[in-house]
Amino acid sequence: VDWHWRKFCADQGQALFNANKQWIDFVQQFLDLYDAKYFKGLQRGSKRHARLIEERCASSEEAAKRWHSFCQKNCFGIKRPRRLPESLVVQFLEEAGWTDEDEAALN
């Protein structure tokens, strides 16, 4: 729900994601759309990709900064890979040049 809410806010020109600080009509509009299944199902970031990102970020400050920067620019500040669309997680991994071989080395 977090991803859909933040995308909805951004699409409506709202930079504020805190629902408590939004107009009730705006929040109700989102809830009505959500209840009506307006938003497509979210294929969340895979556990495998999330693990690769989380372990890489834990072991390297530079990697963590790169991930956080990507999240600020592309993910409305959501940093947990499992709460993001898989397509964005894969986009980051490709841009960063992190591969399945990197994952194998972590095992």
Protein backbone atom coordinates (compact mmCIF):
# COMPACT_ATOMS: atom_id res chain seq x y z
CA VAL A 1 0.00 0.00 0.00
CA ASP A 2 2.88 2.37 0.79
CA TRP A 3 4.13 2.34 -2.81
CA HIS A 4 0.64 2.92 -4.24
CA TRP A 5 -0.03 5.76 -1.79
CA ARG A 6 3.22 7.56 -2.54
CA LYS A 7 2.80 7.12 -6.29
CA PHE A 8 -0.77 8.39 -6.06
CA CYS A 9 0.38 11.45 -4.12
CA ALA A 10 3.17 12.16 -6.62
CA ASP A 11 0.86 11.66 -9.59
CA GLN A 12 -1.54 14.18 -8.02
CA GLY A 13 1.25 16.70 -7.48
CA GLN A 14 1.40 16.12 -3.73
CA ALA A 15 4.93 15.94 -2.33
CA LEU A 16 3.64 15.29 1.19
CA PHE A 17 3.18 11.57 1.86
CA ASN A 18 1.93 11.81 5.44
CA ALA A 19 -1.78 10.93 5.22
CA ASN A 20 -2.44 12.68 8.54
CA LYS A 21 -1.44 15.98 6.93
CA GLN A 22 -3.53 15.56 3.78
CA TRP A 23 -7.08 16.72 3.18
CA ILE A 24 -9.58 14.03 4.15
CA ASP A 25 -11.15 14.15 0.67
CA PHE A 26 -7.76 13.40 -0.90
CA VAL A 27 -7.18 10.43 1.39
CA GLN A 28 -10.73 9.20 0.77
CA GLN A 29 -10.18 9.41 -2.98
CA PHE A 30 -7.13 7.15 -2.63
CA LEU A 31 -9.00 4.71 -0.37
CA ASP A 32 -11.93 4.53 -2.79
CA LEU A 33 -9.60 3.81 -5.70
CA TYR A 34 -7.71 1.23 -3.66
CA ASP A 35 -10.94 -0.51 -2.59
CA ALA A 36 -12.08 -0.53 -6.23
CA LYS A 37 -8.85 -2.35 -7.16
CA TYR A 38 -7.81 0.60 -9.35
CA PHE A 39 -4.13 0.00 -8.64
CA LYS A 40 -2.49 -2.91 -10.37
CA GLY A 41 -1.00 -5.63 -8.23
CA LEU A 42 2.53 -4.90 -7.19
CA GLN A 43 5.18 -7.46 -8.04
CA ARG A 44 7.39 -6.70 -5.06
CA GLY A 45 11.16 -6.88 -5.13
CA SER A 46 12.22 -10.50 -4.83
CA LYS A 47 13.76 -11.86 -1.65
CA ARG A 48 16.90 -12.73 -3.61
CA HIS A 49 17.35 -9.20 -4.93
CA ALA A 50 16.46 -7.65 -1.58
CA ARG A 51 19.10 -9.78 0.13
CA LEU A 52 21.72 -8.77 -2.43
CA ILE A 53 21.00 -5.07 -1.95
CA GLU A 54 20.74 -5.26 1.84
CA GLU A 55 23.98 -7.22 2.23
CA ARG A 56 25.85 -5.02 -0.23
CA CYS A 57 24.66 -1.88 1.58
CA ALA A 58 25.57 -3.32 4.98
CA SER A 59 29.11 -4.04 3.85
CA SER A 60 29.80 -0.81 1.96
CA GLU A 61 28.95 2.78 2.83
CA GLU A 62 29.38 3.73 -0.83
CA ALA A 63 26.88 1.04 -1.87
CA ALA A 64 24.40 2.25 0.77
CA LYS A 65 24.72 5.85 -0.45
CA ARG A 66 24.16 4.71 -4.03
CA TRP A 67 21.03 2.76 -3.06
CA HIS A 68 19.64 5.61 -0.93
CA SER A 69 20.25 8.11 -3.72
CA PHE A 70 18.43 5.84 -6.19
CA CYS A 71 15.52 5.49 -3.76
CA GLN A 72 15.23 9.25 -3.28
CA LYS A 73 15.17 9.84 -7.05
CA ASN A 74 13.02 6.90 -8.17
CA CYS A 75 11.18 5.33 -5.24
CA PHE A 76 9.62 8.19 -3.27
CA GLY A 77 12.19 7.54 -0.56
CA ILE A 78 11.13 3.94 0.09
CA LYS A 79 14.36 2.07 0.81
CA ARG A 80 13.20 -1.46 1.57
CA PRO A 81 13.51 -3.46 -1.67
CA ARG A 82 10.60 -5.77 -0.79
CA ARG A 83 8.28 -2.73 -0.67
CA LEU A 84 9.20 -1.64 -4.18
CA PRO A 85 8.23 -2.88 -7.62
CA GLU A 86 10.59 -5.59 -8.83
CA SER A 87 11.16 -3.61 -12.02
CA LEU A 88 12.73 -0.75 -10.03
CA VAL A 89 14.87 -3.11 -7.98
CA VAL A 90 16.16 -4.75 -11.17
CA GLN A 91 16.75 -1.33 -12.73
CA PHE A 92 18.95 -0.39 -9.78
CA LEU A 93 20.87 -3.66 -9.88
CA GLU A 94 21.54 -3.23 -13.59
CA GLU A 95 22.61 0.42 -13.20
CA ALA A 96 24.85 -0.51 -10.27
CA GLY A 97 26.32 -3.47 -12.16
CA TRP A 98 25.45 -5.83 -9.31
CA THR A 99 24.92 -9.31 -10.68
CA ASP A 100 23.92 -12.81 -9.62
CA GLU A 101 27.64 -13.57 -9.37
CA ASP A 102 27.80 -10.93 -6.64
CA GLU A 103 25.02 -12.75 -4.84
CA ALA A 104 26.87 -16.07 -5.11
CA ALA A 105 29.93 -14.47 -3.56
CA LEU A 106 27.82 -13.38 -0.59
CA ASN A 107 26.79 -16.98 0.17
